[in-house]
Amino acid sequence: MAINRIISKDVAEVEPGLWSNCLRVGDVVYIAGLTSRDKNFDVVLGNDEYEQAKVIFAKIKALVEAAGGTMSDVVKLTIFVTDIANNKKVWAARREFFEGDFPCATLVEVSALARKDLLVEIEAVAHLGQGGRPATA
């Protein structure tokens, strides 16, 4: 099976040789940990976990759709937060992008992310065409 890099005009791509935001292997899509940084990787969009998570879920949606899928194909999320006490804000944002049987999820508190103003980072795995769940947003 070939490994294909997936790119979306809505998600900033890093320079070659660092990492891939999204790879498709057959019908499985792997999305790297995404943050709410803007298209130049400069400004953090959103001042709290809810706003940052909404930006990130929109990026995940853009990449999954660029790979040929929908949010209902997302089966696994790994979420990193700098303050686990604010996890309900992340869950509120998640509800705007998923319904029915939500993806499996892991939420982990970390001491820091790549920048001090980043509060959330999320990675995802999707199995294209296997969702069978309606998606929203």
N, C-alpha and C. Protein backbone atom coordinates (compact mmCIF):
# COMPACT_ATOMS: atom_id res chain seq x y z
N MET A 1 0.84 -1.18 0.00
CA MET A 1 0.00 0.00 0.00
C MET A 1 0.89 1.24 0.00
N ALA A 2 0.52 2.21 -0.80
CA ALA A 2 1.28 3.45 -0.87
C ALA A 2 0.89 4.37 0.29
N ILE A 3 1.84 5.16 0.71
CA ILE A 3 1.58 6.20 1.70
C ILE A 3 1.45 7.51 0.94
N ASN A 4 0.31 8.18 1.10
CA ASN A 4 0.05 9.44 0.40
C ASN A 4 -0.09 10.58 1.38
N ARG A 5 0.63 11.65 1.12
CA ARG A 5 0.51 12.85 1.94
C ARG A 5 -0.73 13.61 1.50
N ILE A 6 -1.56 13.98 2.46
CA ILE A 6 -2.80 14.71 2.20
C ILE A 6 -2.60 16.16 2.62
N ILE A 7 -2.99 17.06 1.73
CA ILE A 7 -2.84 18.50 1.99
C ILE A 7 -4.19 19.16 1.79
N SER A 8 -4.48 20.15 2.63
CA SER A 8 -5.69 20.96 2.51
C SER A 8 -5.29 22.43 2.48
N LYS A 9 -5.96 23.20 1.64
CA LYS A 9 -5.68 24.64 1.60
C LYS A 9 -6.04 25.33 2.92
N ASP A 10 -6.82 24.66 3.75
CA ASP A 10 -7.26 25.24 5.02
C ASP A 10 -6.33 24.94 6.19
N VAL A 11 -5.27 24.17 5.94
CA VAL A 11 -4.35 23.78 7.01
C VAL A 11 -2.93 24.08 6.56
N ALA A 12 -2.21 24.86 7.34
CA ALA A 12 -0.84 25.21 7.00
C ALA A 12 0.04 23.97 6.96
N GLU A 13 0.87 23.88 5.95
CA GLU A 13 1.81 22.77 5.83
C GLU A 13 3.19 23.22 6.28
N VAL A 14 3.86 22.37 6.98
CA VAL A 14 5.22 22.67 7.41
C VAL A 14 6.17 22.43 6.24
N GLU A 15 7.37 22.98 6.36
CA GLU A 15 8.35 22.76 5.31
C GLU A 15 8.74 21.29 5.26
N PRO A 16 9.14 20.80 4.09
CA PRO A 16 9.53 19.39 3.97
C PRO A 16 10.65 19.04 4.95
N GLY A 17 10.63 17.82 5.41
CA GLY A 17 11.69 17.34 6.29
C GLY A 17 11.40 17.49 7.77
N LEU A 18 10.23 18.02 8.13
CA LEU A 18 9.88 18.16 9.55
C LEU A 18 8.88 17.09 9.98
N TRP A 19 7.68 17.11 9.43
CA TRP A 19 6.66 16.11 9.68
C TRP A 19 5.57 16.28 8.64
N SER A 20 4.63 15.37 8.61
CA SER A 20 3.45 15.46 7.74
C SER A 20 2.24 15.68 8.63
N ASN A 21 1.39 16.60 8.24
CA ASN A 21 0.15 16.81 8.99
C ASN A 21 -0.81 15.65 8.82
N CYS A 22 -0.82 15.06 7.61
CA CYS A 22 -1.81 14.02 7.33
C CYS A 22 -1.26 13.04 6.31
N LEU A 23 -1.35 11.76 6.63
CA LEU A 23 -0.95 10.70 5.72
C LEU A 23 -2.12 9.73 5.58
N ARG A 24 -2.31 9.28 4.33
CA ARG A 24 -3.33 8.26 4.05
C ARG A 24 -2.61 6.99 3.63
N VAL A 25 -2.95 5.88 4.30
CA VAL A 25 -2.41 4.57 3.96
C VAL A 25 -3.63 3.69 3.71
N GLY A 26 -3.89 3.39 2.44
CA GLY A 26 -5.12 2.68 2.11
C GLY A 26 -6.30 3.55 2.49
N ASP A 27 -7.19 3.01 3.30
CA ASP A 27 -8.35 3.78 3.75
C ASP A 27 -8.20 4.33 5.16
N VAL A 28 -6.97 4.30 5.69
CA VAL A 28 -6.72 4.83 7.03
C VAL A 28 -6.00 6.17 6.90
N VAL A 29 -6.48 7.15 7.64
CA VAL A 29 -5.91 8.49 7.63
C VAL A 29 -5.35 8.79 9.02
N TYR A 30 -4.10 9.22 9.05
CA TYR A 30 -3.43 9.59 10.29
C TYR A 30 -3.19 11.08 10.28
N ILE A 31 -3.66 11.77 11.29
CA ILE A 31 -3.50 13.22 11.39
C ILE A 31 -2.63 13.53 12.60
N ALA A 32 -1.54 14.25 12.33
CA ALA A 32 -0.59 14.62 13.38
C ALA A 32 -1.24 15.54 14.40
N GLY A 33 -0.60 15.70 15.53
CA GLY A 33 -1.08 16.64 16.52
C GLY A 33 -1.18 18.04 15.92
N LEU A 34 -2.39 18.58 15.91
CA LEU A 34 -2.63 19.92 15.36
C LEU A 34 -2.92 20.88 16.49
N THR A 35 -2.54 22.13 16.28
CA THR A 35 -2.82 23.20 17.24
C THR A 35 -3.60 24.30 16.53
N SER A 36 -3.89 25.35 17.26
CA SER A 36 -4.69 26.44 16.70
C SER A 36 -3.84 27.57 16.12
N ARG A 37 -2.60 27.26 15.76
CA ARG A 37 -1.78 28.29 15.12
C ARG A 37 -2.32 28.62 13.74
N ASP A 38 -2.08 29.85 13.31
CA ASP A 38 -2.59 30.30 12.02
C ASP A 38 -1.79 29.70 10.87
N LYS A 39 -2.12 30.10 9.64
CA LYS A 39 -1.48 29.51 8.46
C LYS A 39 0.01 29.80 8.35
N ASN A 40 0.49 30.77 9.10
CA ASN A 40 1.93 31.06 9.11
C ASN A 40 2.62 30.47 10.33
N PHE A 41 1.88 29.70 11.11
CA PHE A 41 2.37 29.11 12.37
C PHE A 41 2.77 30.18 13.38
N ASP A 42 2.17 31.36 13.28
CA ASP A 42 2.53 32.46 14.17
C ASP A 42 1.49 32.67 15.26
N VAL A 43 0.35 33.20 14.89
CA VAL A 43 -0.67 33.62 15.85
C VAL A 43 -1.49 32.41 16.29
N VAL A 44 -1.74 32.33 17.57
CA VAL A 44 -2.63 31.30 18.10
C VAL A 44 -4.05 31.82 18.02
N LEU A 45 -4.92 31.05 17.37
CA LEU A 45 -6.31 31.45 17.20
C LEU A 45 -7.13 30.89 18.36
N GLY A 46 -7.71 31.77 19.16
CA GLY A 46 -8.51 31.35 20.30
C GLY A 46 -7.78 31.56 21.62
N ASN A 47 -8.50 32.11 22.59
CA ASN A 47 -7.90 32.44 23.88
C ASN A 47 -8.18 31.41 24.96
N ASP A 48 -9.03 30.42 24.68
CA ASP A 48 -9.28 29.39 25.69
C ASP A 48 -9.39 28.03 25.00
N GLU A 49 -9.55 26.99 25.79
CA GLU A 49 -9.56 25.63 25.27
C GLU A 49 -10.70 25.40 24.28
N TYR A 50 -11.87 26.00 24.55
CA TYR A 50 -13.01 25.84 23.64
C TYR A 50 -12.69 26.40 22.26
N GLU A 51 -12.24 27.63 22.22
CA GLU A 51 -11.95 28.29 20.94
C GLU A 51 -10.81 27.58 20.21
N GLN A 52 -9.75 27.21 20.92
CA GLN A 52 -8.64 26.53 20.27
C GLN A 52 -9.08 25.17 19.75
N ALA A 53 -9.86 24.43 20.51
CA ALA A 53 -10.32 23.11 20.07
C ALA A 53 -11.20 23.23 18.82
N LYS A 54 -12.05 24.26 18.74
CA LYS A 54 -12.88 24.46 17.55
C LYS A 54 -12.01 24.66 16.31
N VAL A 55 -10.96 25.46 16.43
CA VAL A 55 -10.04 25.67 15.31
C VAL A 55 -9.41 24.35 14.90
N ILE A 56 -8.98 23.57 15.88
CA ILE A 56 -8.31 22.30 15.59
C ILE A 56 -9.28 21.31 14.95
N PHE A 57 -10.49 21.18 15.47
CA PHE A 57 -11.44 20.25 14.88
C PHE A 57 -11.78 20.66 13.44
N ALA A 58 -11.83 21.95 13.16
CA ALA A 58 -12.06 22.41 11.79
C ALA A 58 -10.89 21.99 10.88
N LYS A 59 -9.66 22.04 11.39
CA LYS A 59 -8.51 21.58 10.62
C LYS A 59 -8.58 20.08 10.37
N ILE A 60 -8.95 19.32 11.39
CA ILE A 60 -9.10 17.87 11.23
C ILE A 60 -10.14 17.58 10.16
N LYS A 61 -11.25 18.28 10.22
CA LYS A 61 -12.33 18.11 9.24
C LYS A 61 -11.80 18.40 7.83
N ALA A 62 -11.06 19.48 7.66
CA ALA A 62 -10.52 19.83 6.34
C ALA A 62 -9.60 18.73 5.81
N LEU A 63 -8.75 18.18 6.66
CA LEU A 63 -7.83 17.13 6.22
C LEU A 63 -8.55 15.83 5.92
N VAL A 64 -9.50 15.44 6.76
CA VAL A 64 -10.26 14.21 6.50
C VAL A 64 -11.03 14.35 5.19
N GLU A 65 -11.63 15.50 4.96
CA GLU A 65 -12.36 15.70 3.70
C GLU A 65 -11.41 15.72 2.51
N ALA A 66 -10.23 16.30 2.66
CA ALA A 66 -9.24 16.29 1.57
C ALA A 66 -8.80 14.87 1.24
N ALA A 67 -8.87 13.98 2.23
CA ALA A 67 -8.50 12.58 2.02
C ALA A 67 -9.66 11.77 1.44
N GLY A 68 -10.84 12.40 1.35
CA GLY A 68 -11.99 11.71 0.78
C GLY A 68 -12.99 11.19 1.79
N GLY A 69 -12.88 11.63 3.04
CA GLY A 69 -13.77 11.14 4.08
C GLY A 69 -14.64 12.22 4.69
N THR A 70 -15.26 11.85 5.80
CA THR A 70 -16.08 12.78 6.58
C THR A 70 -15.70 12.63 8.05
N MET A 71 -16.18 13.53 8.86
CA MET A 71 -15.89 13.45 10.29
C MET A 71 -16.45 12.18 10.92
N SER A 72 -17.46 11.59 10.32
CA SER A 72 -18.01 10.34 10.87
C SER A 72 -17.04 9.18 10.70
N ASP A 73 -16.00 9.35 9.87
CA ASP A 73 -14.98 8.32 9.70
C ASP A 73 -13.89 8.38 10.77
N VAL A 74 -13.87 9.45 11.56
CA VAL A 74 -12.85 9.59 12.61
C VAL A 74 -13.18 8.60 13.73
N VAL A 75 -12.19 7.75 14.06
CA VAL A 75 -12.42 6.71 15.06
C VAL A 75 -11.61 6.90 16.34
N LYS A 76 -10.58 7.74 16.29
CA LYS A 76 -9.71 7.90 17.47
C LYS A 76 -9.19 9.32 17.55
N LEU A 77 -9.26 9.90 18.73
CA LEU A 77 -8.69 11.21 19.02
C LEU A 77 -7.76 11.08 20.21
N THR A 78 -6.62 11.73 20.13
CA THR A 78 -5.75 11.88 21.30
C THR A 78 -5.63 13.38 21.52
N ILE A 79 -6.02 13.81 22.71
CA ILE A 79 -6.11 15.24 23.02
C ILE A 79 -5.16 15.55 24.16
N PHE A 80 -4.33 16.55 23.93
CA PHE A 80 -3.37 17.01 24.93
C PHE A 80 -3.80 18.40 25.38
N VAL A 81 -3.91 18.60 26.69
CA VAL A 81 -4.29 19.91 27.25
C VAL A 81 -3.27 20.30 28.32
N THR A 82 -3.11 21.59 28.52
CA THR A 82 -2.19 22.05 29.56
C THR A 82 -2.87 22.22 30.91
N ASP A 83 -4.21 22.18 30.93
CA ASP A 83 -4.95 22.26 32.19
C ASP A 83 -6.17 21.36 32.10
N ILE A 84 -6.07 20.19 32.69
CA ILE A 84 -7.14 19.19 32.58
C ILE A 84 -8.44 19.66 33.23
N ALA A 85 -8.37 20.65 34.11
CA ALA A 85 -9.58 21.18 34.74
C ALA A 85 -10.51 21.82 33.71
N ASN A 86 -9.98 22.17 32.54
CA ASN A 86 -10.79 22.82 31.51
C ASN A 86 -11.21 21.84 30.41
N ASN A 87 -11.22 20.54 30.72
CA ASN A 87 -11.56 19.54 29.70
C ASN A 87 -12.97 19.70 29.15
N LYS A 88 -13.90 20.20 29.93
CA LYS A 88 -15.27 20.36 29.45
C LYS A 88 -15.35 21.34 28.29
N LYS A 89 -14.43 22.28 28.22
CA LYS A 89 -14.40 23.22 27.10
C LYS A 89 -14.04 22.49 25.80
N VAL A 90 -13.12 21.55 25.90
CA VAL A 90 -12.74 20.74 24.72
C VAL A 90 -13.92 19.87 24.30
N TRP A 91 -14.58 19.25 25.27
CA TRP A 91 -15.72 18.39 24.94
C TRP A 91 -16.85 19.21 24.30
N ALA A 92 -17.05 20.43 24.74
CA ALA A 92 -18.09 21.28 24.14
C ALA A 92 -17.78 21.55 22.67
N ALA A 93 -16.54 21.84 22.37
CA ALA A 93 -16.15 22.06 20.97
C ALA A 93 -16.32 20.76 20.17
N ARG A 94 -15.95 19.64 20.75
CA ARG A 94 -16.06 18.35 20.06
C ARG A 94 -17.49 18.06 19.67
N ARG A 95 -18.45 18.41 20.54
CA ARG A 95 -19.87 18.17 20.25
C ARG A 95 -20.34 18.94 19.01
N GLU A 96 -19.63 19.98 18.62
CA GLU A 96 -20.02 20.74 17.43
C GLU A 96 -19.57 20.05 16.14
N PHE A 97 -18.74 19.01 16.25
CA PHE A 97 -18.22 18.33 15.07
C PHE A 97 -18.61 16.86 14.98
N PHE A 98 -19.11 16.29 16.07
CA PHE A 98 -19.48 14.88 16.09
C PHE A 98 -20.84 14.72 16.75
N GLU A 99 -21.52 13.65 16.38
CA GLU A 99 -22.76 13.26 17.07
C GLU A 99 -22.89 11.75 17.01
N GLY A 100 -23.87 11.21 17.71
CA GLY A 100 -24.02 9.76 17.74
C GLY A 100 -22.87 9.12 18.50
N ASP A 101 -22.34 8.04 17.96
CA ASP A 101 -21.20 7.37 18.58
C ASP A 101 -19.94 8.17 18.31
N PHE A 102 -19.43 8.83 19.34
CA PHE A 102 -18.24 9.66 19.20
C PHE A 102 -17.01 8.77 19.01
N PRO A 103 -15.93 9.35 18.46
CA PRO A 103 -14.68 8.58 18.34
C PRO A 103 -14.16 8.19 19.72
N CYS A 104 -13.37 7.12 19.77
CA CYS A 104 -12.63 6.80 20.98
C CYS A 104 -11.71 7.99 21.25
N ALA A 105 -11.49 8.30 22.52
CA ALA A 105 -10.69 9.48 22.82
C ALA A 105 -9.84 9.27 24.07
N THR A 106 -8.67 9.86 24.03
CA THR A 106 -7.79 9.92 25.18
C THR A 106 -7.50 11.38 25.44
N LEU A 107 -7.62 11.80 26.69
CA LEU A 107 -7.32 13.18 27.09
C LEU A 107 -6.19 13.13 28.11
N VAL A 108 -5.12 13.85 27.82
CA VAL A 108 -3.93 13.82 28.67
C VAL A 108 -3.51 15.24 28.99
N GLU A 109 -3.21 15.49 30.26
CA GLU A 109 -2.64 16.78 30.63
C GLU A 109 -1.12 16.71 30.45
N VAL A 110 -0.58 17.77 29.82
CA VAL A 110 0.87 17.86 29.61
C VAL A 110 1.36 19.16 30.25
N SER A 111 2.63 19.21 30.56
CA SER A 111 3.17 20.41 31.22
C SER A 111 3.31 21.58 30.26
N ALA A 112 3.46 21.31 28.97
CA ALA A 112 3.59 22.40 28.00
C ALA A 112 3.39 21.86 26.60
N LEU A 113 3.01 22.75 25.69
CA LEU A 113 2.96 22.45 24.26
C LEU A 113 4.03 23.30 23.58
N ALA A 114 4.03 23.37 22.27
CA ALA A 114 5.12 24.03 21.52
C ALA A 114 5.27 25.52 21.85
N ARG A 115 4.18 26.16 22.25
CA ARG A 115 4.21 27.57 22.64
C ARG A 115 3.39 27.73 23.91
N LYS A 116 3.72 28.73 24.71
CA LYS A 116 3.01 28.93 25.98
C LYS A 116 1.54 29.26 25.81
N ASP A 117 1.17 29.90 24.68
CA ASP A 117 -0.22 30.28 24.48
C ASP A 117 -1.06 29.17 23.85
N LEU A 118 -0.43 28.04 23.55
CA LEU A 118 -1.18 26.87 23.08
C LEU A 118 -1.70 26.10 24.28
N LEU A 119 -2.99 25.83 24.28
CA LEU A 119 -3.64 25.13 25.40
C LEU A 119 -4.09 23.73 25.04
N VAL A 120 -4.21 23.45 23.73
CA VAL A 120 -4.76 22.18 23.25
C VAL A 120 -3.99 21.73 22.00
N GLU A 121 -3.76 20.43 21.90
CA GLU A 121 -3.25 19.80 20.68
C GLU A 121 -4.02 18.50 20.49
N ILE A 122 -4.44 18.23 19.25
CA ILE A 122 -5.26 17.05 19.00
C ILE A 122 -4.73 16.30 17.78
N GLU A 123 -4.62 14.97 17.91
CA GLU A 123 -4.31 14.12 16.76
C GLU A 123 -5.49 13.19 16.54
N ALA A 124 -5.59 12.66 15.30
CA ALA A 124 -6.76 11.85 14.96
C ALA A 124 -6.40 10.72 14.01
N VAL A 125 -7.24 9.69 14.03
CA VAL A 125 -7.16 8.58 13.08
C VAL A 125 -8.56 8.39 12.51
N ALA A 126 -8.64 8.22 11.19
CA ALA A 126 -9.93 7.99 10.54
C ALA A 126 -9.81 6.77 9.62
N HIS A 127 -10.92 6.03 9.50
CA HIS A 127 -11.03 4.91 8.56
C HIS A 127 -12.08 5.32 7.53
N LEU A 128 -11.62 5.71 6.35
CA LEU A 128 -12.50 6.27 5.33
C LEU A 128 -13.59 5.30 4.92
N GLY A 129 -14.82 5.84 4.84
CA GLY A 129 -15.95 5.05 4.40
C GLY A 129 -16.49 4.08 5.43
N GLN A 130 -15.95 4.12 6.63
CA GLN A 130 -16.37 3.17 7.66
C GLN A 130 -17.19 3.80 8.77
N GLY A 131 -17.37 5.11 8.73
CA GLY A 131 -18.02 5.81 9.83
C GLY A 131 -19.43 5.36 10.09
N GLY A 132 -20.27 5.46 9.08
CA GLY A 132 -21.66 5.07 9.27
C GLY A 132 -22.38 5.92 10.28
N ARG A 133 -21.74 7.00 10.74
CA ARG A 133 -22.35 7.90 11.70
C ARG A 133 -22.54 9.24 11.01
N PRO A 134 -23.61 9.95 11.30
CA PRO A 134 -23.75 11.29 10.72
C PRO A 134 -22.75 12.24 11.38
N ALA A 135 -22.25 13.20 10.62
CA ALA A 135 -21.33 14.20 11.16
C ALA A 135 -21.97 15.58 11.01
N THR A 136 -21.58 16.49 11.87
CA THR A 136 -22.11 17.85 11.81
C THR A 136 -20.97 18.84 11.68
N ALA A 137 -21.34 20.11 11.56
CA ALA A 137 -20.42 21.26 11.50
C ALA A 137 -19.76 21.44 10.21
